[in-house]
């Protein structure tokens, strides 16, 4: 079992391990002091993380209609740029014009490194 091998290689025998209640963790970590917690649907701890992931998926599928490995980082960079500027809509044109004037020309080869 991969989880058990990982635990044996990574944890000291006296380690305390906290996980969710996934059955493979419960079985593989029985030799360790293992605490687990069942997370109920609707637990708001990671609500905004899930919202952000959903927004990234919608952006990529709506804009590019899928992902390609070669340009994956560029997709995420563009999403991050748009996300970080979402409240600057009144300044969008002037900031874009300045960025264009202040930048140098990049060819396709440079963009895909």
PDB file of N, CA and C in Angstrom:
ATOM      1  N   UNK A   1       0.846  -1.184   0.000  1.00  0.00           N
ATOM      2  CA  UNK A   1       0.000   0.000   0.000  1.00  0.00           C
ATOM      3  C   UNK A   1       0.885   1.239   0.000  1.00  0.00           C
ATOM      4  N   UNK A   2       0.656   2.139  -0.947  1.00  0.00           N
ATOM      5  CA  UNK A   2       1.483   3.335  -1.114  1.00  0.00           C
ATOM      6  C   UNK A   2       1.466   4.230   0.116  1.00  0.00           C
ATOM      7  N   UNK A   3       0.302   4.403   0.716  1.00  0.00           N
ATOM      8  CA  UNK A   3       0.196   5.300   1.870  1.00  0.00           C
ATOM      9  C   UNK A   3       1.022   4.762   3.027  1.00  0.00           C
ATOM     10  N   UNK A   4       0.956   3.450   3.251  1.00  0.00           N
ATOM     11  CA  UNK A   4       1.711   2.844   4.350  1.00  0.00           C
ATOM     12  C   UNK A   4       3.218   2.984   4.110  1.00  0.00           C
ATOM     13  N   UNK A   5       3.674   2.729   2.879  1.00  0.00           N
ATOM     14  CA  UNK A   5       5.101   2.875   2.559  1.00  0.00           C
ATOM     15  C   UNK A   5       5.558   4.315   2.743  1.00  0.00           C
ATOM     16  N   UNK A   6       4.736   5.247   2.299  1.00  0.00           N
ATOM     17  CA  UNK A   6       5.071   6.656   2.468  1.00  0.00           C
ATOM     18  C   UNK A   6       5.186   6.999   3.949  1.00  0.00           C
ATOM     19  N   UNK A   7       4.233   6.543   4.745  1.00  0.00           N
ATOM     20  CA  UNK A   7       4.241   6.840   6.183  1.00  0.00           C
ATOM     21  C   UNK A   7       5.476   6.252   6.851  1.00  0.00           C
ATOM     22  N   UNK A   8       5.816   5.020   6.514  1.00  0.00           N
ATOM     23  CA  UNK A   8       6.976   4.369   7.130  1.00  0.00           C
ATOM     24  C   UNK A   8       8.277   5.086   6.770  1.00  0.00           C
ATOM     25  N   UNK A   9       8.363   5.609   5.552  1.00  0.00           N
ATOM     26  CA  UNK A   9       9.576   6.318   5.126  1.00  0.00           C
ATOM     27  C   UNK A   9       9.624   7.753   5.640  1.00  0.00           C
ATOM     28  N   UNK A  10       8.480   8.351   5.885  1.00  0.00           N
ATOM     29  CA  UNK A  10       8.425   9.784   6.167  1.00  0.00           C
ATOM     30  C   UNK A  10       8.225  10.151   7.624  1.00  0.00           C
ATOM     31  N   UNK A  11       7.609   9.268   8.405  1.00  0.00           N
ATOM     32  CA  UNK A  11       7.261   9.616   9.782  1.00  0.00           C
ATOM     33  C   UNK A  11       8.089   8.834  10.776  1.00  0.00           C
ATOM     34  N   UNK A  12       8.422   9.479  11.871  1.00  0.00           N
ATOM     35  CA  UNK A  12       9.046   8.782  12.996  1.00  0.00           C
ATOM     36  C   UNK A  12       7.976   7.909  13.653  1.00  0.00           C
ATOM     37  N   UNK A  13       8.373   6.799  14.286  1.00  0.00           N
ATOM     38  CA  UNK A  13       7.373   5.935  14.934  1.00  0.00           C
ATOM     39  C   UNK A  13       6.526   6.658  15.979  1.00  0.00           C
ATOM     40  N   UNK A  14       7.063   7.704  16.582  1.00  0.00           N
ATOM     41  CA  UNK A  14       6.316   8.425  17.616  1.00  0.00           C
ATOM     42  C   UNK A  14       5.497   9.589  17.051  1.00  0.00           C
ATOM     43  N   UNK A  15       5.428   9.708  15.731  1.00  0.00           N
ATOM     44  CA  UNK A  15       4.724  10.830  15.112  1.00  0.00           C
ATOM     45  C   UNK A  15       3.230  10.781  15.379  1.00  0.00           C
ATOM     46  N   UNK A  16       2.658  11.968  15.513  1.00  0.00           N
ATOM     47  CA  UNK A  16       1.207  12.107  15.583  1.00  0.00           C
ATOM     48  C   UNK A  16       0.747  12.567  14.208  1.00  0.00           C
ATOM     49  N   UNK A  17      -0.200  11.857  13.624  1.00  0.00           N
ATOM     50  CA  UNK A  17      -0.634  12.134  12.261  1.00  0.00           C
ATOM     51  C   UNK A  17      -2.098  12.562  12.282  1.00  0.00           C
ATOM     52  N   UNK A  18      -2.389  13.701  11.653  1.00  0.00           N
ATOM     53  CA  UNK A  18      -3.761  14.196  11.527  1.00  0.00           C
ATOM     54  C   UNK A  18      -4.177  14.120  10.068  1.00  0.00           C
ATOM     55  N   UNK A  19      -5.294  13.470   9.788  1.00  0.00           N
ATOM     56  CA  UNK A  19      -5.789  13.341   8.417  1.00  0.00           C
ATOM     57  C   UNK A  19      -7.302  13.458   8.420  1.00  0.00           C
ATOM     58  N   UNK A  20      -7.869  13.387   7.212  1.00  0.00           N
ATOM     59  CA  UNK A  20      -9.312  13.235   7.147  1.00  0.00           C
ATOM     60  C   UNK A  20      -9.620  11.750   7.347  1.00  0.00           C
ATOM     61  N   UNK A  21     -10.847  11.348   7.245  1.00  0.00           N
ATOM     62  CA  UNK A  21     -11.232   9.983   7.600  1.00  0.00           C
ATOM     63  C   UNK A  21     -11.192   9.018   6.419  1.00  0.00           C
ATOM     64  N   UNK A  22     -10.373   9.284   5.430  1.00  0.00           N
ATOM     65  CA  UNK A  22     -10.262   8.387   4.288  1.00  0.00           C
ATOM     66  C   UNK A  22      -9.820   7.005   4.759  1.00  0.00           C
ATOM     67  N   UNK A  23     -10.489   5.974   4.297  1.00  0.00           N
ATOM     68  CA  UNK A  23     -10.248   4.618   4.783  1.00  0.00           C
ATOM     69  C   UNK A  23      -8.794   4.186   4.603  1.00  0.00           C
ATOM     70  N   UNK A  24      -8.161   4.564   3.500  1.00  0.00           N
ATOM     71  CA  UNK A  24      -6.768   4.146   3.288  1.00  0.00           C
ATOM     72  C   UNK A  24      -5.842   4.744   4.344  1.00  0.00           C
ATOM     73  N   UNK A  25      -6.139   5.942   4.834  1.00  0.00           N
ATOM     74  CA  UNK A  25      -5.341   6.518   5.917  1.00  0.00           C
ATOM     75  C   UNK A  25      -5.546   5.738   7.207  1.00  0.00           C
ATOM     76  N   UNK A  26      -6.790   5.409   7.503  1.00  0.00           N
ATOM     77  CA  UNK A  26      -7.085   4.704   8.748  1.00  0.00           C
ATOM     78  C   UNK A  26      -6.377   3.355   8.788  1.00  0.00           C
ATOM     79  N   UNK A  27      -6.359   2.652   7.668  1.00  0.00           N
ATOM     80  CA  UNK A  27      -5.714   1.340   7.601  1.00  0.00           C
ATOM     81  C   UNK A  27      -4.194   1.464   7.631  1.00  0.00           C
ATOM     82  N   UNK A  28      -3.641   2.349   6.818  1.00  0.00           N
ATOM     83  CA  UNK A  28      -2.188   2.445   6.675  1.00  0.00           C
ATOM     84  C   UNK A  28      -1.506   3.058   7.890  1.00  0.00           C
ATOM     85  N   UNK A  29      -2.213   3.875   8.638  1.00  0.00           N
ATOM     86  CA  UNK A  29      -1.586   4.596   9.740  1.00  0.00           C
ATOM     87  C   UNK A  29      -1.933   4.015  11.103  1.00  0.00           C
ATOM     88  N   UNK A  30      -2.367   2.773  11.125  1.00  0.00           N
ATOM     89  CA  UNK A  30      -2.778   2.177  12.405  1.00  0.00           C
ATOM     90  C   UNK A  30      -1.604   2.011  13.372  1.00  0.00           C
ATOM     91  N   UNK A  31      -0.357   1.996  12.869  1.00  0.00           N
ATOM     92  CA  UNK A  31       0.813   1.863  13.737  1.00  0.00           C
ATOM     93  C   UNK A  31       1.277   3.204  14.314  1.00  0.00           C
ATOM     94  N   UNK A  32       0.634   4.288  13.912  1.00  0.00           N
ATOM     95  CA  UNK A  32       0.984   5.624  14.390  1.00  0.00           C
ATOM     96  C   UNK A  32      -0.150   6.155  15.253  1.00  0.00           C
ATOM     97  N   UNK A  33       0.173   7.193  16.031  1.00  0.00           N
ATOM     98  CA  UNK A  33      -0.895   7.877  16.754  1.00  0.00           C
ATOM     99  C   UNK A  33      -1.642   8.704  15.708  1.00  0.00           C
ATOM    100  N   UNK A  34      -2.809   8.246  15.346  1.00  0.00           N
ATOM    101  CA  UNK A  34      -3.529   8.796  14.203  1.00  0.00           C
ATOM    102  C   UNK A  34      -4.836   9.425  14.656  1.00  0.00           C
ATOM    103  N   UNK A  35      -4.997  10.695  14.352  1.00  0.00           N
ATOM    104  CA  UNK A  35      -6.243  11.404  14.629  1.00  0.00           C
ATOM    105  C   UNK A  35      -6.849  11.793  13.294  1.00  0.00           C
ATOM    106  N   UNK A  36      -8.132  11.574  13.157  1.00  0.00           N
ATOM    107  CA  UNK A  36      -8.777  11.980  11.920  1.00  0.00           C
ATOM    108  C   UNK A  36     -10.079  12.683  12.235  1.00  0.00           C
ATOM    109  N   UNK A  37     -10.519  13.465  11.264  1.00  0.00           N
ATOM    110  CA  UNK A  37     -11.747  14.228  11.416  1.00  0.00           C
ATOM    111  C   UNK A  37     -12.574  14.061  10.155  1.00  0.00           C
ATOM    112  N   UNK A  38     -13.853  13.835  10.332  1.00  0.00           N
ATOM    113  CA  UNK A  38     -14.773  13.752   9.205  1.00  0.00           C
ATOM    114  C   UNK A  38     -15.270  15.167   8.924  1.00  0.00           C
ATOM    115  N   UNK A  39     -15.070  15.619   7.706  1.00  0.00           N
ATOM    116  CA  UNK A  39     -15.521  16.951   7.324  1.00  0.00           C
ATOM    117  C   UNK A  39     -16.876  16.828   6.647  1.00  0.00           C
ATOM    118  N   UNK A  40     -17.840  17.502   7.189  1.00  0.00           N
ATOM    119  CA  UNK A  40     -19.184  17.473   6.631  1.00  0.00           C
ATOM    120  C   UNK A  40     -19.270  18.440   5.458  1.00  0.00           C
ATOM    121  N   UNK A  41     -20.102  18.081   4.496  1.00  0.00           N
ATOM    122  CA  UNK A  41     -20.327  18.983   3.382  1.00  0.00           C
ATOM    123  C   UNK A  41     -20.922  20.276   3.928  1.00  0.00           C
ATOM    124  N   UNK A  42     -20.453  21.365   3.424  1.00  0.00           N
ATOM    125  CA  UNK A  42     -20.941  22.645   3.892  1.00  0.00           C
ATOM    126  C   UNK A  42     -20.044  23.266   4.941  1.00  0.00           C
ATOM    127  N   UNK A  43     -19.033  22.526   5.391  1.00  0.00           N
ATOM    128  CA  UNK A  43     -18.066  23.114   6.312  1.00  0.00           C
ATOM    129  C   UNK A  43     -17.377  24.244   5.549  1.00  0.00           C
ATOM    130  N   UNK A  44     -17.474  25.459   6.037  1.00  0.00           N
ATOM    131  CA  UNK A  44     -17.012  26.625   5.301  1.00  0.00           C
ATOM    132  C   UNK A  44     -15.527  26.893   5.358  1.00  0.00           C
ATOM    133  N   UNK A  45     -14.737  26.007   5.941  1.00  0.00           N
ATOM    134  CA  UNK A  45     -13.310  26.281   6.101  1.00  0.00           C
ATOM    135  C   UNK A  45     -12.604  26.539   4.774  1.00  0.00           C
ATOM    136  N   UNK A  46     -12.958  25.799   3.753  1.00  0.00           N
ATOM    137  CA  UNK A  46     -12.276  25.931   2.461  1.00  0.00           C
ATOM    138  C   UNK A  46     -13.206  26.469   1.376  1.00  0.00           C
ATOM    139  N   UNK A  47     -14.288  27.118   1.788  1.00  0.00           N
ATOM    140  CA  UNK A  47     -15.287  27.579   0.829  1.00  0.00           C
ATOM    141  C   UNK A  47     -14.666  28.470  -0.242  1.00  0.00           C
ATOM    142  N   UNK A  48     -13.826  29.427   0.157  1.00  0.00           N
ATOM    143  CA  UNK A  48     -13.261  30.347  -0.820  1.00  0.00           C
ATOM    144  C   UNK A  48     -12.217  29.678  -1.702  1.00  0.00           C
ATOM    145  N   UNK A  49     -11.543  28.673  -1.187  1.00  0.00           N
ATOM    146  CA  UNK A  49     -10.602  27.913  -2.020  1.00  0.00           C
ATOM    147  C   UNK A  49     -11.371  27.197  -3.123  1.00  0.00           C
ATOM    148  N   UNK A  50     -12.483  26.558  -2.757  1.00  0.00           N
ATOM    149  CA  UNK A  50     -13.304  25.863  -3.751  1.00  0.00           C
ATOM    150  C   UNK A  50     -13.901  26.852  -4.759  1.00  0.00           C
ATOM    151  N   UNK A  51     -14.298  28.017  -4.277  1.00  0.00           N
ATOM    152  CA  UNK A  51     -14.835  29.042  -5.174  1.00  0.00           C
ATOM    153  C   UNK A  51     -13.776  29.486  -6.175  1.00  0.00           C
ATOM    154  N   UNK A  52     -12.558  29.703  -5.709  1.00  0.00           N
ATOM    155  CA  UNK A  52     -11.477  30.134  -6.593  1.00  0.00           C
ATOM    156  C   UNK A  52     -11.141  29.053  -7.627  1.00  0.00           C
ATOM    157  N   UNK A  53     -11.079  27.804  -7.191  1.00  0.00           N
ATOM    158  CA  UNK A  53     -10.811  26.701  -8.127  1.00  0.00           C
ATOM    159  C   UNK A  53     -11.905  26.632  -9.183  1.00  0.00           C
ATOM    160  N   UNK A  54     -13.147  26.784  -8.762  1.00  0.00           N
ATOM    161  CA  UNK A  54     -14.266  26.779  -9.702  1.00  0.00           C
ATOM    162  C   UNK A  54     -14.150  27.934 -10.693  1.00  0.00           C
ATOM    163  N   UNK A  55     -13.742  29.100 -10.209  1.00  0.00           N
ATOM    164  CA  UNK A  55     -13.568  30.256 -11.099  1.00  0.00           C
ATOM    165  C   UNK A  55     -12.449  30.027 -12.110  1.00  0.00           C
ATOM    166  N   UNK A  56     -11.357  29.400 -11.686  1.00  0.00           N
ATOM    167  CA  UNK A  56     -10.258  29.088 -12.613  1.00  0.00           C
ATOM    168  C   UNK A  56     -10.753  28.134 -13.696  1.00  0.00           C
ATOM    169  N   UNK A  57     -11.475  27.090 -13.289  1.00  0.00           N
ATOM    170  CA  UNK A  57     -12.008  26.130 -14.270  1.00  0.00           C
ATOM    171  C   UNK A  57     -12.920  26.819 -15.276  1.00  0.00           C
ATOM    172  N   UNK A  58     -13.825  27.665 -14.780  1.00  0.00           N
ATOM    173  CA  UNK A  58     -14.748  28.370 -15.673  1.00  0.00           C
ATOM    174  C   UNK A  58     -13.998  29.296 -16.621  1.00  0.00           C
ATOM    175  N   UNK A  59     -12.990  29.989 -16.114  1.00  0.00           N
ATOM    176  CA  UNK A  59     -12.195  30.891 -16.942  1.00  0.00           C
ATOM    177  C   UNK A  59     -11.500  30.124 -18.064  1.00  0.00           C
ATOM    178  N   UNK A  60     -10.833  29.035 -17.710  1.00  0.00           N
ATOM    179  CA  UNK A  60     -10.073  28.276 -18.708  1.00  0.00           C
ATOM    180  C   UNK A  60     -11.008  27.643 -19.733  1.00  0.00           C
ATOM    181  N   UNK A  61     -12.092  27.031 -19.265  1.00  0.00           N
ATOM    182  CA  UNK A  61     -13.005  26.377 -20.200  1.00  0.00           C
ATOM    183  C   UNK A  61     -13.769  27.391 -21.048  1.00  0.00           C
ATOM    184  N   UNK A  62     -14.110  28.527 -20.469  1.00  0.00           N
ATOM    185  CA  UNK A  62     -14.849  29.540 -21.210  1.00  0.00           C
ATOM    186  C   UNK A  62     -13.988  30.315 -22.185  1.00  0.00           C
ATOM    187  N   UNK A  63     -12.748  30.570 -21.822  1.00  0.00           N
ATOM    188  CA  UNK A  63     -11.864  31.370 -22.663  1.00  0.00           C
ATOM    189  C   UNK A  63     -11.117  30.511 -23.676  1.00  0.00           C
ATOM    190  N   UNK A  64     -10.575  29.396 -23.230  1.00  0.00           N
ATOM    191  CA  UNK A  64      -9.715  28.576 -24.085  1.00  0.00           C
ATOM    192  C   UNK A  64     -10.342  27.253 -24.487  1.00  0.00           C
ATOM    193  N   UNK A  65     -11.482  26.910 -23.915  1.00  0.00           N
ATOM    194  CA  UNK A  65     -12.196  25.667 -24.220  1.00  0.00           C
ATOM    195  C   UNK A  65     -11.350  24.430 -23.952  1.00  0.00           C
ATOM    196  N   UNK A  66     -10.508  24.484 -22.942  1.00  0.00           N
ATOM    197  CA  UNK A  66      -9.691  23.344 -22.556  1.00  0.00           C
ATOM    198  C   UNK A  66      -8.282  23.776 -22.200  1.00  0.00           C
ATOM    199  N   UNK A  67      -7.517  22.827 -21.721  1.00  0.00           N
ATOM    200  CA  UNK A  67      -6.148  23.091 -21.280  1.00  0.00           C
ATOM    201  C   UNK A  67      -5.147  22.366 -22.161  1.00  0.00           C
ATOM    202  N   UNK A  68      -4.014  22.993 -22.354  1.00  0.00           N
ATOM    203  CA  UNK A  68      -2.884  22.337 -22.986  1.00  0.00           C
ATOM    204  C   UNK A  68      -1.698  22.454 -22.047  1.00  0.00           C
ATOM    205  N   UNK A  69      -0.945  21.379 -21.887  1.00  0.00           N
ATOM    206  CA  UNK A  69       0.182  21.397 -20.945  1.00  0.00           C
ATOM    207  C   UNK A  69       1.193  22.487 -21.273  1.00  0.00           C
ATOM    208  N   UNK A  70       1.420  22.694 -22.552  1.00  0.00           N
ATOM    209  CA  UNK A  70       2.466  23.620 -22.973  1.00  0.00           C
ATOM    210  C   UNK A  70       2.210  25.041 -22.461  1.00  0.00           C
ATOM    211  N   UNK A  71       0.941  25.450 -22.403  1.00  0.00           N
ATOM    212  CA  UNK A  71       0.608  26.823 -22.036  1.00  0.00           C
ATOM    213  C   UNK A  71      -0.070  26.925 -20.675  1.00  0.00           C
ATOM    214  N   UNK A  72      -0.055  25.871 -19.893  1.00  0.00           N
ATOM    215  CA  UNK A  72      -0.789  25.839 -18.631  1.00  0.00           C
ATOM    216  C   UNK A  72      -0.405  26.986 -17.700  1.00  0.00           C
ATOM    217  N   UNK A  73       0.882  27.243 -17.524  1.00  0.00           N
ATOM    218  CA  UNK A  73       1.298  28.319 -16.628  1.00  0.00           C
ATOM    219  C   UNK A  73       0.809  29.670 -17.130  1.00  0.00           C
ATOM    220  N   UNK A  74       0.804  29.860 -18.439  1.00  0.00           N
ATOM    221  CA  UNK A  74       0.316  31.126 -18.994  1.00  0.00           C
ATOM    222  C   UNK A  74      -1.170  31.316 -18.700  1.00  0.00           C
ATOM    223  N   UNK A  75      -1.960  30.235 -18.761  1.00  0.00           N
ATOM    224  CA  UNK A  75      -3.387  30.329 -18.425  1.00  0.00           C
ATOM    225  C   UNK A  75      -3.555  30.778 -16.980  1.00  0.00           C
ATOM    226  N   UNK A  76      -2.800  30.169 -16.079  1.00  0.00           N
ATOM    227  CA  UNK A  76      -2.914  30.519 -14.665  1.00  0.00           C
ATOM    228  C   UNK A  76      -2.401  31.935 -14.400  1.00  0.00           C
ATOM    229  N   UNK A  77      -1.343  32.330 -15.097  1.00  0.00           N
ATOM    230  CA  UNK A  77      -0.831  33.695 -14.939  1.00  0.00           C
ATOM    231  C   UNK A  77      -1.874  34.721 -15.379  1.00  0.00           C
ATOM    232  N   UNK A  78      -2.542  34.438 -16.497  1.00  0.00           N
ATOM    233  CA  UNK A  78      -3.571  35.370 -16.967  1.00  0.00           C
ATOM    234  C   UNK A  78      -4.735  35.429 -15.990  1.00  0.00           C
ATOM    235  N   UNK A  79      -5.151  34.273 -15.478  1.00  0.00           N
ATOM    236  CA  UNK A  79      -6.240  34.277 -14.495  1.00  0.00           C
ATOM    237  C   UNK A  79      -5.845  35.084 -13.266  1.00  0.00           C
ATOM    238  N   UNK A  80      -4.633  34.872 -12.768  1.00  0.00           N
ATOM    239  CA  UNK A  80      -4.176  35.592 -11.576  1.00  0.00           C
ATOM    240  C   UNK A  80      -4.143  37.095 -11.836  1.00  0.00           C
ATOM    241  N   UNK A  81      -3.691  37.477 -13.011  1.00  0.00           N
ATOM    242  CA  UNK A  81      -3.647  38.894 -13.354  1.00  0.00           C
ATOM    243  C   UNK A  81      -5.048  39.491 -13.368  1.00  0.00           C
ATOM    244  N   UNK A  82      -5.987  38.816 -14.003  1.00  0.00           N
ATOM    245  CA  UNK A  82      -7.366  39.313 -14.042  1.00  0.00           C
ATOM    246  C   UNK A  82      -7.987  39.327 -12.651  1.00  0.00           C
ATOM    247  N   UNK A  83      -7.741  38.280 -11.888  1.00  0.00           N
ATOM    248  CA  UNK A  83      -8.312  38.192 -10.541  1.00  0.00           C
ATOM    249  C   UNK A  83      -7.791  39.322  -9.657  1.00  0.00           C
ATOM    250  N   UNK A  84      -6.500  39.585  -9.723  1.00  0.00           N
ATOM    251  CA  UNK A  84      -5.901  40.619  -8.881  1.00  0.00           C
ATOM    252  C   UNK A  84      -6.320  42.028  -9.284  1.00  0.00           C
ATOM    253  N   UNK A  85      -6.828  42.192 -10.492  1.00  0.00           N
ATOM    254  CA  UNK A  85      -7.231  43.512 -10.969  1.00  0.00           C
ATOM    255  C   UNK A  85      -8.745  43.647 -11.107  1.00  0.00           C
ATOM    256  N   UNK A  86      -9.494  42.764 -10.508  1.00  0.00           N
ATOM    257  CA  UNK A  86     -10.938  42.747 -10.701  1.00  0.00           C
ATOM    258  C   UNK A  86     -11.653  43.981 -10.152  1.00  0.00           C
ATOM    259  N   UNK A  87     -11.043  44.718  -9.242  1.00  0.00           N
ATOM    260  CA  UNK A  87     -11.678  45.912  -8.690  1.00  0.00           C
ATOM    261  C   UNK A  87     -11.135  47.202  -9.313  1.00  0.00           C
ATOM    262  N   UNK A  88     -10.302  47.098 -10.330  1.00  0.00           N
ATOM    263  CA  UNK A  88      -9.686  48.263 -10.962  1.00  0.00           C
ATOM    264  C   UNK A  88     -10.315  48.566 -12.317  1.00  0.00           C
ATOM    265  N   UNK A  89     -11.559  48.248 -12.512  1.00  0.00           N
ATOM    266  CA  UNK A  89     -12.165  48.382 -13.839  1.00  0.00           C
ATOM    267  C   UNK A  89     -12.141  49.815 -14.354  1.00  0.00           C
ATOM    268  N   UNK A  90     -12.260  50.795 -13.473  1.00  0.00           N
ATOM    269  CA  UNK A  90     -12.241  52.189 -13.912  1.00  0.00           C
ATOM    270  C   UNK A  90     -10.850  52.629 -14.384  1.00  0.00           C
ATOM    271  N   UNK A  91      -9.805  51.909 -13.989  1.00  0.00           N
ATOM    272  CA  UNK A  91      -8.436  52.249 -14.379  1.00  0.00           C
ATOM    273  C   UNK A  91      -7.892  51.318 -15.461  1.00  0.00           C
ATOM    274  N   UNK A  92      -8.715  50.402 -15.922  1.00  0.00           N
ATOM    275  CA  UNK A  92      -8.239  49.338 -16.804  1.00  0.00           C
ATOM    276  C   UNK A  92      -7.560  49.870 -18.066  1.00  0.00           C
ATOM    277  N   UNK A  93      -8.212  50.778 -18.782  1.00  0.00           N
ATOM    278  CA  UNK A  93      -7.649  51.233 -20.049  1.00  0.00           C
ATOM    279  C   UNK A  93      -6.328  51.966 -19.854  1.00  0.00           C
ATOM    280  N   UNK A  94      -6.279  52.887 -18.905  1.00  0.00           N
ATOM    281  CA  UNK A  94      -5.042  53.657 -18.717  1.00  0.00           C
ATOM    282  C   UNK A  94      -3.895  52.762 -18.251  1.00  0.00           C
ATOM    283  N   UNK A  95      -4.179  51.804 -17.393  1.00  0.00           N
ATOM    284  CA  UNK A  95      -3.120  50.896 -16.927  1.00  0.00           C
ATOM    285  C   UNK A  95      -2.649  49.973 -18.056  1.00  0.00           C
ATOM    286  N   UNK A  96      -3.585  49.519 -18.894  1.00  0.00           N
ATOM    287  CA  UNK A  96      -3.221  48.681 -20.033  1.00  0.00           C
ATOM    288  C   UNK A  96      -2.367  49.471 -21.023  1.00  0.00           C
ATOM    289  N   UNK A  97      -2.771  50.695 -21.318  1.00  0.00           N
ATOM    290  CA  UNK A  97      -2.000  51.529 -22.247  1.00  0.00           C
ATOM    291  C   UNK A  97      -0.586  51.748 -21.720  1.00  0.00           C
ATOM    292  N   UNK A  98      -0.457  52.029 -20.437  1.00  0.00           N
ATOM    293  CA  UNK A  98       0.871  52.226 -19.853  1.00  0.00           C
ATOM    294  C   UNK A  98       1.697  50.941 -19.946  1.00  0.00           C
ATOM    295  N   UNK A  99       1.084  49.794 -19.636  1.00  0.00           N
ATOM    296  CA  UNK A  99       1.810  48.521 -19.679  1.00  0.00           C
ATOM    297  C   UNK A  99       2.290  48.215 -21.091  1.00  0.00           C
ATOM    298  N   UNK A 100       1.467  48.502 -22.088  1.00  0.00           N
ATOM    299  CA  UNK A 100       1.856  48.260 -23.483  1.00  0.00           C
ATOM    300  C   UNK A 100       3.023  49.166 -23.872  1.00  0.00           C
ATOM    301  N   UNK A 101       2.960  50.432 -23.497  1.00  0.00           N
ATOM    302  CA  UNK A 101       4.043  51.366 -23.847  1.00  0.00           C
ATOM    303  C   UNK A 101       5.339  51.042 -23.117  1.00  0.00           C
ATOM    304  N   UNK A 102       5.239  50.471 -21.940  1.00  0.00           N
ATOM    305  CA  UNK A 102       6.414  50.211 -21.114  1.00  0.00           C
ATOM    306  C   UNK A 102       7.038  48.838 -21.380  1.00  0.00           C
ATOM    307  N   UNK A 103       6.419  48.034 -22.218  1.00  0.00           N
ATOM    308  CA  UNK A 103       6.907  46.664 -22.427  1.00  0.00           C
ATOM    309  C   UNK A 103       7.684  46.553 -23.735  1.00  0.00           C
ATOM    310  N   UNK A 104       8.359  45.429 -23.893  1.00  0.00           N
ATOM    311  CA  UNK A 104       9.053  45.152 -25.147  1.00  0.00           C
ATOM    312  C   UNK A 104       8.318  44.019 -25.869  1.00  0.00           C
ATOM    313  N   UNK A 105       8.587  43.881 -27.142  1.00  0.00           N
ATOM    314  CA  UNK A 105       7.885  42.899 -27.963  1.00  0.00           C
ATOM    315  C   UNK A 105       8.403  41.500 -27.645  1.00  0.00           C
ATOM    316  N   UNK A 106       7.472  40.573 -27.461  1.00  0.00           N
ATOM    317  CA  UNK A 106       7.815  39.166 -27.242  1.00  0.00           C
ATOM    318  C   UNK A 106       7.310  38.347 -28.416  1.00  0.00           C
ATOM    319  N   UNK A 107       8.152  37.488 -28.925  1.00  0.00           N
ATOM    320  CA  UNK A 107       7.732  36.568 -29.962  1.00  0.00           C
ATOM    321  C   UNK A 107       7.136  35.304 -29.361  1.00  0.00           C
ATOM    322  N   UNK A 108       6.579  34.475 -30.206  1.00  0.00           N
ATOM    323  CA  UNK A 108       5.952  33.233 -29.747  1.00  0.00           C
ATOM    324  C   UNK A 108       6.943  32.349 -28.993  1.00  0.00           C
ATOM    325  N   UNK A 109       8.170  32.283 -29.475  1.00  0.00           N
ATOM    326  CA  UNK A 109       9.190  31.452 -28.823  1.00  0.00           C
ATOM    327  C   UNK A 109       9.434  31.930 -27.396  1.00  0.00           C
ATOM    328  N   UNK A 110       9.499  33.244 -27.209  1.00  0.00           N
ATOM    329  CA  UNK A 110       9.707  33.794 -25.864  1.00  0.00           C
ATOM    330  C   UNK A 110       8.511  33.525 -24.959  1.00  0.00           C
ATOM    331  N   UNK A 111       7.324  33.588 -25.511  1.00  0.00           N
ATOM    332  CA  UNK A 111       6.115  33.367 -24.716  1.00  0.00           C
ATOM    333  C   UNK A 111       5.963  31.924 -24.263  1.00  0.00           C
ATOM    334  N   UNK A 112       6.541  30.998 -24.997  1.00  0.00           N
ATOM    335  CA  UNK A 112       6.321  29.574 -24.707  1.00  0.00           C
ATOM    336  C   UNK A 112       7.524  28.889 -24.089  1.00  0.00           C
ATOM    337  N   UNK A 113       8.435  29.645 -23.561  1.00  0.00           N
ATOM    338  CA  UNK A 113       9.593  29.031 -22.895  1.00  0.00           C
ATOM    339  C   UNK A 113       9.195  28.389 -21.612  1.00  0.00           C
TER     340      UNK A 113
END
